[in-house]
Amino acid sequence: MSTNAFSSKRLDQMRENAITRREAMRRAMFGAAGLWLGDHLGLSAFAAPQPPTAKARSVIQIWMWGGPSHLDTWDPKPDAGYDYYGALKTPIATNVDGIQVGELMSQLAKQADKYAIIRSMTHGVNAHETASYLVQTARQQGGRDVYPCAGAVVSLFKGHAGGYRGLLPPYIVLTQPQGRFDEAGFLGSRFKPFATGGDPGAQRFAVEGIVASGISDKRQQDRRNYLHSLNTLKHAAPNDPQMRAAEQAEKQAYDLILGDAGKVFDLSTEKSELRERYGRNTFGQSCLVARRLVERGVPYVTINYQGWDTHKQHFQTMRRKLPEMDRGVATLLQDLADRGLLASTIIWWSGEFGRTPRVQWEAPWNGGRGHWGTCFSAMVAGGGFKGGRVVGASDAKGEEVKERPVYPADLIGTMYGLLGIDGNARLPHPTGQLATVVPNASDDAKLGGRLTEIV
């Protein structure tokens, strides 16, 4: 083999190794968020339809993992009897005449002019996985396709194909993946959310792939400088397009780790008083991080708030969890409003279902509440939703929808409309089949109608 042939072969091998290193770095950086620093997920062939004027830019989804009780939160029933209200008998008035909320939500009671309560959510499903899929995709489970959840759809239309060019991934979950279903569905793994891991309530929020526990920013920079000193390939082929792409990917990755983008997760820059208002706990500080993310233009943020599957010791858990939730969400609403962000940010509070209106006093539950998909509540705010309103009603004991049933497709379709996403737009199905953003009557979907009364 000639010297020139050997050099050419060696250079090709070095290029291949460099690309492999770049790929490994990008995957390590973003994990399930996909190759965000690449060609925007290979969607150059997908062109999102030009949306109408959007009122909302971002969504903060507060996912009440496990299913919260509607009677203890947004739809109290003080006249239903002890077997229904249990240890929480006395609802409290809000700052909007005629609207009451649960007695452990004193801070949110002061913010009722900013949100709307939906008291007639329904789907009739009592299994966690199936109900979670239905509430977040608006699709019935059991078909041949697995549809993407709202976060993945918003990421597609408002992120990758909608002009978002931030270094931060367009769909972020604080802090653990929900694990009930495949969030990306047939859009593929590249549309899974970037799950931060870590704990925002810790002294330092160790975001997986961005903030390394025990490694300072200076040490990260020293490591980068050392790697550059060893990179002889860059000098051997300075004008090679693949090497330039690798260099750009590395620059963007380190900008996220050490630059301004990564600092969005550093809560030490916030005033201590504000952090106290949110609550010095994982949920409260997650709400603060969510505000910082939408402030940077991230289209979709989910706070996966666990601990609401209260089959046993329900009221003991509520006395601990509800004040924490109340404090974090109320502060988030006020903080967004103070910064002029609430008008462009949708807050969506919901679980996969509610809980049994009748308390299960019998063994082995001994004062718990089971799953209840027949009737439950959700709360929405900002981004074009009108505050100080109540949609629908449950019956006297909170067991059935009394008026104005609202199905998951109604709520999700309304949110998409506020975001400027056409519900009839096509999703890029891998086999080219017709798949619309929101199901319609021809899909055998249960529909009660878009929430025009609060937009």
Protein backbone atom coordinates (compact mmCIF):
# COMPACT_ATOMS: atom_id res chain seq x y z
CA MET A 1 0.00 0.00 0.00
CA SER A 2 1.34 3.43 -0.94
CA THR A 3 1.96 6.07 1.66
CA ASN A 4 -0.77 8.26 0.18
CA ALA A 5 -3.27 5.39 0.18
CA PHE A 6 -2.43 4.55 3.79
CA SER A 7 -2.81 8.19 4.81
CA SER A 8 -6.16 8.43 3.08
CA LYS A 9 -7.43 5.26 4.72
CA ARG A 10 -6.13 6.39 8.10
CA LEU A 11 -7.80 9.82 7.69
CA ASP A 12 -11.14 8.18 6.82
CA GLN A 13 -10.87 5.99 9.91
CA MET A 14 -10.08 9.00 12.09
CA ARG A 15 -13.06 10.86 10.65
CA GLU A 16 -15.32 7.91 11.39
CA ASN A 17 -14.03 7.70 14.96
CA ALA A 18 -14.57 11.44 15.41
CA ILE A 19 -18.17 11.18 14.23
CA THR A 20 -18.70 8.23 16.57
CA ARG A 21 -17.37 10.28 19.48
CA ARG A 22 -19.60 13.17 18.49
CA GLU A 23 -22.62 10.85 18.31
CA ALA A 24 -21.80 9.35 21.71
CA MET A 25 -21.45 12.79 23.23
CA ARG A 26 -24.75 13.99 21.84
CA ARG A 27 -26.57 10.86 22.98
CA ALA A 28 -25.06 11.12 26.44
CA MET A 29 -25.98 14.79 26.62
CA PHE A 30 -29.61 14.45 25.68
CA GLY A 31 -30.51 10.81 26.15
CA ALA A 32 -34.14 10.28 25.21
CA ALA A 33 -34.44 13.86 24.00
CA GLY A 34 -32.76 12.72 20.79
CA LEU A 35 -30.20 14.32 18.51
CA TRP A 36 -31.40 17.85 19.12
CA LEU A 37 -28.10 19.35 18.04
CA GLY A 38 -28.24 17.56 14.71
CA ASP A 39 -30.63 18.07 11.82
CA HIS A 40 -33.57 18.80 14.10
CA LEU A 41 -34.49 15.14 14.25
CA GLY A 42 -34.34 14.48 10.55
CA LEU A 43 -37.64 16.26 9.95
CA SER A 44 -36.54 18.36 7.03
CA ALA A 45 -39.18 16.61 4.92
CA PHE A 46 -41.95 17.44 7.40
CA ALA A 47 -43.33 20.94 7.08
CA ALA A 48 -45.72 22.03 9.79
CA PRO A 49 -48.76 23.83 8.38
CA GLN A 50 -48.72 27.57 8.90
CA PRO A 51 -50.70 28.02 12.14
CA PRO A 52 -53.22 30.73 12.89
CA THR A 53 -52.18 33.41 15.34
CA ALA A 54 -51.32 31.66 18.59
CA LYS A 55 -52.12 33.06 22.01
CA ALA A 56 -49.89 30.58 23.84
CA ARG A 57 -46.19 29.91 23.35
CA SER A 58 -45.53 27.26 26.01
CA VAL A 59 -47.23 24.70 28.25
CA ILE A 60 -46.43 23.74 31.82
CA GLN A 61 -48.17 20.46 32.52
CA ILE A 62 -48.53 19.58 36.20
CA TRP A 63 -49.11 15.85 35.98
CA MET A 64 -50.69 14.58 39.20
CA TRP A 65 -49.29 11.08 38.88
CA GLY A 66 -51.62 8.51 40.39
CA GLY A 67 -54.86 10.51 40.22
CA PRO A 68 -55.85 13.24 42.73
CA SER A 69 -59.20 13.37 44.49
CA HIS A 70 -61.55 15.91 42.92
CA LEU A 71 -63.60 16.17 46.14
CA ASP A 72 -60.54 17.23 48.13
CA THR A 73 -59.29 19.74 45.54
CA TRP A 74 -61.45 21.49 42.92
CA ASP A 75 -64.92 20.02 43.54
CA PRO A 76 -65.65 19.82 47.29
CA LYS A 77 -68.96 18.31 48.42
CA PRO A 78 -69.61 19.47 52.01
CA ASP A 79 -73.24 18.32 51.92
CA ALA A 80 -72.54 14.80 50.66
CA GLY A 81 -71.96 13.33 54.12
CA TYR A 82 -69.03 11.99 56.10
CA ASP A 83 -68.60 8.94 53.87
CA TYR A 84 -67.71 11.34 51.04
CA TYR A 85 -65.91 14.31 52.52
CA GLY A 86 -64.20 12.32 55.27
CA ALA A 87 -61.68 14.39 57.21
CA LEU A 88 -61.93 17.39 54.86
CA LYS A 89 -65.39 18.85 55.39
CA THR A 90 -65.00 22.62 55.07
CA PRO A 91 -64.28 24.11 51.61
CA ILE A 92 -63.01 27.66 51.41
CA ALA A 93 -64.17 30.62 49.35
CA THR A 94 -61.90 31.94 46.61
CA ASN A 95 -61.34 35.47 45.39
CA VAL A 96 -64.07 34.83 42.78
CA ASP A 97 -67.64 34.92 44.07
CA GLY A 98 -69.37 31.55 44.04
CA ILE A 99 -66.26 29.42 43.57
CA GLN A 100 -65.00 27.24 46.42
CA VAL A 101 -62.03 24.88 46.58
CA GLY A 102 -60.76 22.32 49.08
CA GLU A 103 -59.87 23.52 52.56
CA LEU A 104 -56.16 22.75 52.18
CA MET A 105 -55.78 25.01 49.11
CA SER A 106 -55.73 28.42 50.79
CA GLN A 107 -53.10 29.93 48.48
CA LEU A 108 -54.79 28.80 45.28
CA ALA A 109 -58.05 30.20 46.64
CA LYS A 110 -56.46 33.65 46.34
CA GLN A 111 -55.60 33.04 42.67
CA ALA A 112 -58.96 31.80 41.32
CA ASP A 113 -59.27 34.81 39.02
CA LYS A 114 -56.30 33.40 37.08
CA TYR A 115 -57.56 29.85 36.40
CA ALA A 116 -60.56 27.90 35.20
CA ILE A 117 -61.81 24.70 36.86
CA ILE A 118 -63.25 21.86 34.78
CA ARG A 119 -65.45 19.78 37.08
CA SER A 120 -66.85 17.43 34.45
CA MET A 121 -63.83 15.63 33.03
CA THR A 122 -64.72 12.04 32.15
CA HIS A 123 -63.55 8.96 30.27
CA GLY A 124 -64.72 6.03 32.42
CA VAL A 125 -61.33 4.28 32.60
CA ASN A 126 -59.97 3.18 35.98
CA ALA A 127 -56.60 1.65 35.03
CA HIS A 128 -53.50 3.85 35.43
CA GLU A 129 -51.78 3.01 32.14
CA THR A 130 -54.88 3.16 29.95
CA ALA A 131 -56.21 6.32 31.57
CA SER A 132 -52.81 8.06 31.40
CA TYR A 133 -52.53 7.29 27.70
CA LEU A 134 -56.07 8.51 27.06
CA VAL A 135 -55.76 11.76 29.02
CA GLN A 136 -52.43 12.70 27.44
CA THR A 137 -53.03 11.59 23.85
CA ALA A 138 -56.84 11.97 23.60
CA ARG A 139 -56.87 8.50 22.01
CA GLN A 140 -58.46 5.28 23.12
CA GLN A 141 -55.98 2.49 23.77
CA GLY A 142 -56.19 -0.74 21.82
CA GLY A 143 -55.70 0.38 18.23
CA ARG A 144 -52.79 -0.67 16.08
CA ASP A 145 -51.07 2.69 16.50
CA VAL A 146 -49.57 4.22 19.63
CA TYR A 147 -50.13 7.95 19.39
CA PRO A 148 -47.78 10.64 20.75
CA CYS A 149 -48.76 12.53 23.87
CA ALA A 150 -49.45 16.26 23.92
CA GLY A 151 -45.87 17.08 24.86
CA ALA A 152 -44.46 15.25 21.84
CA VAL A 153 -47.02 16.85 19.51
CA VAL A 154 -46.23 20.34 20.80
CA SER A 155 -42.53 19.54 20.50
CA LEU A 156 -43.08 18.63 16.85
CA PHE A 157 -45.14 21.65 15.82
CA LYS A 158 -43.76 24.34 18.13
CA GLY A 159 -40.25 22.96 18.50
CA HIS A 160 -38.60 21.04 15.69
CA ALA A 161 -40.85 22.20 12.85
CA GLY A 162 -41.96 25.45 14.42
CA GLY A 163 -38.80 27.49 14.38
CA TYR A 164 -37.57 26.85 17.94
CA ARG A 165 -33.77 27.05 17.90
CA GLY A 166 -32.85 27.05 21.57
CA LEU A 167 -30.12 24.79 22.89
CA LEU A 168 -32.50 23.35 25.46
CA PRO A 169 -34.65 20.43 24.24
CA PRO A 170 -38.22 21.49 23.34
CA TYR A 171 -39.88 18.90 25.62
CA ILE A 172 -38.55 18.54 29.17
CA VAL A 173 -39.80 16.47 32.12
CA LEU A 174 -39.02 17.35 35.71
CA THR A 175 -37.66 15.08 36.97
CA GLN A 176 -38.49 11.43 36.23
CA PRO A 177 -40.18 9.94 33.15
CA GLN A 178 -43.84 9.18 33.70
CA GLY A 179 -43.43 5.53 32.82
CA ARG A 180 -47.13 4.85 32.21
CA PHE A 181 -46.97 4.86 28.41
CA ASP A 182 -44.72 5.67 25.45
CA GLU A 183 -44.80 9.47 25.30
CA ALA A 184 -43.51 9.68 21.73
CA GLY A 185 -45.67 6.94 20.21
CA PHE A 186 -45.17 6.42 16.49
CA LEU A 187 -43.17 9.66 16.22
CA GLY A 188 -40.26 7.62 17.56
CA SER A 189 -37.77 7.76 20.40
CA ARG A 190 -36.35 11.10 19.27
CA PHE A 191 -39.55 12.73 20.52
CA LYS A 192 -39.34 11.33 24.00
CA PRO A 193 -38.89 14.11 26.55
CA PHE A 194 -35.58 14.98 28.10
CA ALA A 195 -35.99 13.84 31.72
CA THR A 196 -33.73 15.87 33.96
CA GLY A 197 -33.35 13.41 36.82
CA GLY A 198 -31.88 14.93 39.95
CA ASP A 199 -33.72 16.99 42.55
CA PRO A 200 -34.33 20.74 42.08
CA GLY A 201 -34.74 20.96 45.84
CA ALA A 202 -31.19 19.75 46.48
CA GLN A 203 -28.30 22.13 47.14
CA ARG A 204 -27.29 21.70 43.50
CA PHE A 205 -29.71 20.46 40.87
CA ALA A 206 -27.72 17.66 39.21
CA VAL A 207 -29.35 17.49 35.77
CA GLU A 208 -28.39 14.28 34.00
CA GLY A 209 -25.90 14.90 31.21
CA ILE A 210 -25.58 18.61 32.01
CA VAL A 211 -24.64 19.04 35.66
CA ALA A 212 -22.28 16.39 36.99
CA SER A 213 -22.43 15.88 40.73
CA GLY A 214 -19.10 16.66 42.37
CA ILE A 215 -17.54 18.20 39.24
CA SER A 216 -17.20 21.98 39.17
CA ASP A 217 -17.59 24.11 36.06
CA LYS A 218 -13.87 24.86 36.15
CA ARG A 219 -13.03 21.17 36.11
CA GLN A 220 -15.40 20.67 33.17
CA GLN A 221 -13.62 23.46 31.29
CA ASP A 222 -10.19 22.02 32.15
CA ARG A 223 -11.30 18.66 30.76
CA ARG A 224 -12.44 20.33 27.56
CA ASN A 225 -9.14 22.17 27.17
CA TYR A 226 -7.21 18.95 27.71
CA LEU A 227 -9.24 17.12 25.06
CA HIS A 228 -8.56 19.96 22.63
CA SER A 229 -4.82 19.64 23.23
CA LEU A 230 -5.04 15.98 22.20
CA ASN A 231 -7.15 16.62 19.10
CA THR A 232 -4.56 16.33 16.36
CA LEU A 233 -7.25 15.33 13.85
CA LYS A 234 -8.62 18.87 13.86
CA HIS A 235 -5.23 20.15 12.68
CA ALA A 236 -4.85 17.36 10.14
CA ALA A 237 -8.17 18.12 8.40
CA PRO A 238 -9.22 21.64 9.44
CA ASN A 239 -11.53 22.18 6.46
CA ASP A 240 -13.26 18.80 6.44
CA PRO A 241 -17.07 19.38 6.63
CA GLN A 242 -17.64 16.40 8.93
CA MET A 243 -14.96 17.64 11.30
CA ARG A 244 -16.54 21.09 11.29
CA ALA A 245 -19.90 19.53 12.12
CA ALA A 246 -18.33 17.60 14.98
CA GLU A 247 -16.69 20.77 16.25
CA GLN A 248 -20.00 22.65 16.11
CA ALA A 249 -21.83 19.86 17.95
CA GLU A 250 -19.17 19.89 20.65
CA LYS A 251 -19.38 23.67 20.96
CA GLN A 252 -23.16 23.58 21.37
CA ALA A 253 -22.92 20.77 23.91
CA TYR A 254 -20.44 22.70 26.03
CA ASP A 255 -22.50 25.87 25.64
CA LEU A 256 -25.32 23.93 27.27
CA ILE A 257 -23.09 22.59 30.06
CA LEU A 258 -21.09 25.72 30.79
CA GLY A 259 -22.92 28.52 29.01
CA ASP A 260 -26.05 30.51 29.71
CA ALA A 261 -28.43 27.75 28.55
CA GLY A 262 -27.29 25.33 31.25
CA LYS A 263 -27.57 28.02 33.91
CA VAL A 264 -31.35 27.81 33.63
CA PHE A 265 -31.12 24.87 36.05
CA ASP A 266 -29.03 26.81 38.58
CA LEU A 267 -31.57 28.03 41.14
CA SER A 268 -28.92 29.71 43.28
CA THR A 269 -29.35 32.79 41.10
CA GLU A 270 -32.95 33.20 42.31
CA LYS A 271 -33.78 35.27 45.36
CA SER A 272 -34.05 33.18 48.51
CA GLU A 273 -37.40 34.79 49.33
CA LEU A 274 -38.90 33.61 46.02
CA ARG A 275 -37.56 30.09 46.49
CA GLU A 276 -39.18 29.99 49.93
CA ARG A 277 -42.49 31.09 48.43
CA TYR A 278 -42.40 28.19 45.99
CA GLY A 279 -41.52 25.78 48.82
CA ARG A 280 -38.12 24.28 49.53
CA ASN A 281 -39.08 20.85 48.28
CA THR A 282 -38.81 18.90 45.04
CA PHE A 283 -42.20 19.98 43.70
CA GLY A 284 -41.97 23.63 44.65
CA GLN A 285 -38.51 24.02 43.13
CA SER A 286 -39.66 22.09 40.04
CA CYS A 287 -42.32 24.75 39.55
CA LEU A 288 -39.60 27.39 39.74
CA VAL A 289 -37.45 25.55 37.18
CA ALA A 290 -40.49 25.24 34.90
CA ARG A 291 -40.96 29.00 35.01
CA ARG A 292 -37.30 29.51 34.10
CA LEU A 293 -37.61 27.07 31.19
CA VAL A 294 -40.64 28.73 29.59
CA GLU A 295 -38.91 32.05 30.16
CA ARG A 296 -36.21 30.67 27.82
CA GLY A 297 -38.84 29.71 25.28
CA VAL A 298 -39.04 25.94 25.90
CA PRO A 299 -42.38 24.90 24.35
CA TYR A 300 -43.40 22.09 26.72
CA VAL A 301 -42.48 21.30 30.32
CA THR A 302 -44.02 18.52 32.40
CA ILE A 303 -43.70 18.32 36.17
CA ASN A 304 -44.24 14.66 37.00
CA TYR A 305 -45.66 15.04 40.49
CA GLN A 306 -45.86 11.64 42.14
CA GLY A 307 -47.65 10.46 45.28
CA TRP A 308 -51.38 10.79 44.51
CA ASP A 309 -52.37 7.11 44.30
CA THR A 310 -53.85 7.15 47.80
CA HIS A 311 -55.58 3.81 48.33
CA LYS A 312 -54.62 3.90 51.99
CA GLN A 313 -54.09 6.70 54.52
CA HIS A 314 -55.60 9.09 52.05
CA PHE A 315 -56.33 11.97 54.39
CA GLN A 316 -52.97 11.73 56.15
CA THR A 317 -51.32 12.02 52.74
CA MET A 318 -53.55 14.91 51.71
CA ARG A 319 -52.60 16.93 54.78
CA ARG A 320 -48.97 16.63 53.69
CA LYS A 321 -49.26 16.82 49.89
CA LEU A 322 -52.04 19.35 49.31
CA PRO A 323 -50.34 22.29 51.10
CA GLU A 324 -47.16 21.53 49.13
CA MET A 325 -49.07 21.51 45.85
CA ASP A 326 -51.10 24.57 46.82
CA ARG A 327 -48.01 26.61 47.61
CA GLY A 328 -46.06 25.65 44.50
CA VAL A 329 -48.85 26.12 41.95
CA ALA A 330 -50.16 29.36 43.47
CA THR A 331 -46.67 30.87 43.45
CA LEU A 332 -46.11 29.71 39.88
CA LEU A 333 -49.30 31.43 38.73
CA GLN A 334 -48.40 34.68 40.49
CA ASP A 335 -44.76 34.58 39.38
CA LEU A 336 -45.73 34.05 35.73
CA ALA A 337 -48.28 36.86 35.96
CA ASP A 338 -45.76 39.24 37.55
CA ARG A 339 -43.30 38.59 34.71
CA GLY A 340 -45.86 38.96 31.95
CA LEU A 341 -45.57 35.28 31.04
CA LEU A 342 -48.97 33.94 32.08
CA ALA A 343 -50.67 35.32 28.98
CA SER A 344 -48.41 33.16 26.79
CA THR A 345 -48.06 30.09 29.05
CA ILE A 346 -50.74 27.44 29.52
CA ILE A 347 -50.86 25.74 32.91
CA TRP A 348 -52.54 22.33 32.72
CA TRP A 349 -53.17 20.58 36.06
CA SER A 350 -54.57 17.06 35.84
CA GLY A 351 -54.10 13.42 36.71
CA GLU A 352 -55.19 10.35 34.79
CA PHE A 353 -58.48 10.22 36.72
CA GLY A 354 -60.03 11.20 40.04
CA ARG A 355 -60.60 9.09 43.11
CA THR A 356 -63.67 7.35 44.47
CA PRO A 357 -66.01 9.96 45.94
CA ARG A 358 -67.09 7.54 48.65
CA VAL A 359 -64.26 6.93 51.11
CA GLN A 360 -63.26 3.28 51.38
CA TRP A 361 -63.30 2.89 55.15
CA GLU A 362 -63.32 -0.92 55.03
CA ALA A 363 -60.21 -3.11 55.29
CA PRO A 364 -57.68 -3.24 53.77
CA TRP A 365 -58.10 0.40 52.66
CA ASN A 366 -58.98 1.81 56.08
CA GLY A 367 -59.81 5.29 54.85
CA GLY A 368 -58.54 5.39 51.27
CA ARG A 369 -59.89 6.41 47.89
CA GLY A 370 -59.73 4.22 44.80
CA HIS A 371 -59.56 5.03 41.07
CA TRP A 372 -62.43 6.99 39.50
CA GLY A 373 -62.54 7.84 35.80
CA THR A 374 -66.28 8.48 35.60
CA CYS A 375 -65.98 12.07 36.81
CA PHE A 376 -62.96 14.11 37.85
CA SER A 377 -61.51 17.63 37.72
CA ALA A 378 -58.78 19.52 35.87
CA MET A 379 -57.51 23.09 36.11
CA VAL A 380 -56.23 25.27 33.28
CA ALA A 381 -54.80 28.77 33.28
CA GLY A 382 -52.98 31.23 31.07
CA GLY A 383 -52.20 31.15 27.37
CA GLY A 384 -55.66 32.38 26.39
CA PHE A 385 -57.74 30.52 28.98
CA LYS A 386 -60.09 32.80 30.93
CA GLY A 387 -59.75 32.78 34.70
CA GLY A 388 -62.43 32.83 37.34
CA ARG A 389 -64.62 30.30 35.52
CA VAL A 390 -66.04 26.84 36.20
CA VAL A 391 -66.88 24.46 33.36
CA GLY A 392 -69.40 21.67 33.90
CA ALA A 393 -70.66 20.12 37.11
CA SER A 394 -70.74 16.80 38.89
CA ASP A 395 -73.73 15.42 40.79
CA ALA A 396 -74.33 15.98 44.50
CA LYS A 397 -71.77 13.36 45.53
CA GLY A 398 -69.21 13.85 42.77
CA GLU A 399 -69.88 10.43 41.28
CA GLU A 400 -71.27 11.30 37.85
CA VAL A 401 -71.11 14.18 35.39
CA LYS A 402 -74.25 16.26 35.85
CA GLU A 403 -73.71 18.72 33.01
CA ARG A 404 -71.28 19.51 30.19
CA PRO A 405 -69.13 16.35 29.92
CA VAL A 406 -65.55 17.20 28.89
CA TYR A 407 -63.46 14.44 27.31
CA PRO A 408 -59.67 14.43 26.96
CA ALA A 409 -59.90 15.27 23.24
CA ASP A 410 -61.95 18.38 24.06
CA LEU A 411 -59.35 19.75 26.45
CA ILE A 412 -56.28 18.81 24.41
CA GLY A 413 -57.84 20.11 21.20
CA THR A 414 -58.60 23.43 22.91
CA MET A 415 -55.01 23.74 24.11
CA TYR A 416 -53.67 22.97 20.65
CA GLY A 417 -55.88 25.71 19.25
CA LEU A 418 -54.47 28.25 21.70
CA LEU A 419 -50.97 27.15 20.68
CA GLY A 420 -51.79 27.70 17.02
CA ILE A 421 -51.76 23.98 16.20
CA ASP A 422 -54.50 22.89 13.79
CA GLY A 423 -56.31 19.89 15.25
CA ASN A 424 -56.90 18.55 11.74
CA ALA A 425 -53.23 18.75 10.76
CA ARG A 426 -51.54 15.51 9.85
CA LEU A 427 -48.92 13.84 12.00
CA PRO A 428 -45.94 12.27 10.20
CA HIS A 429 -46.94 8.61 10.43
CA PRO A 430 -44.02 6.22 9.66
CA THR A 431 -46.10 4.28 7.11
CA GLY A 432 -47.81 7.30 5.60
CA GLN A 433 -51.22 6.55 7.10
CA LEU A 434 -53.62 9.36 7.86
CA ALA A 435 -53.17 10.44 11.48
CA THR A 436 -54.52 13.77 12.64
CA VAL A 437 -53.41 15.80 15.63
CA VAL A 438 -56.78 15.46 17.37
CA PRO A 439 -59.28 12.63 16.85
CA ASN A 440 -62.68 13.44 15.38
CA ALA A 441 -66.07 11.77 15.28
CA SER A 442 -64.98 9.48 12.44
CA ASP A 443 -62.33 8.05 14.77
CA ASP A 444 -65.06 6.96 17.19
CA ALA A 445 -63.71 9.43 19.72
CA LYS A 446 -65.91 10.68 22.54
CA LEU A 447 -66.34 14.42 22.13
CA GLY A 448 -68.23 17.02 24.09
CA GLY A 449 -66.95 20.04 22.17
CA ARG A 450 -64.04 22.44 22.48
CA LEU A 451 -63.95 24.62 25.58
CA THR A 452 -65.12 27.77 23.86
CA GLU A 453 -66.66 29.07 27.09
CA ILE A 454 -63.23 29.69 28.63
CA VAL A 455 -61.19 30.88 25.64
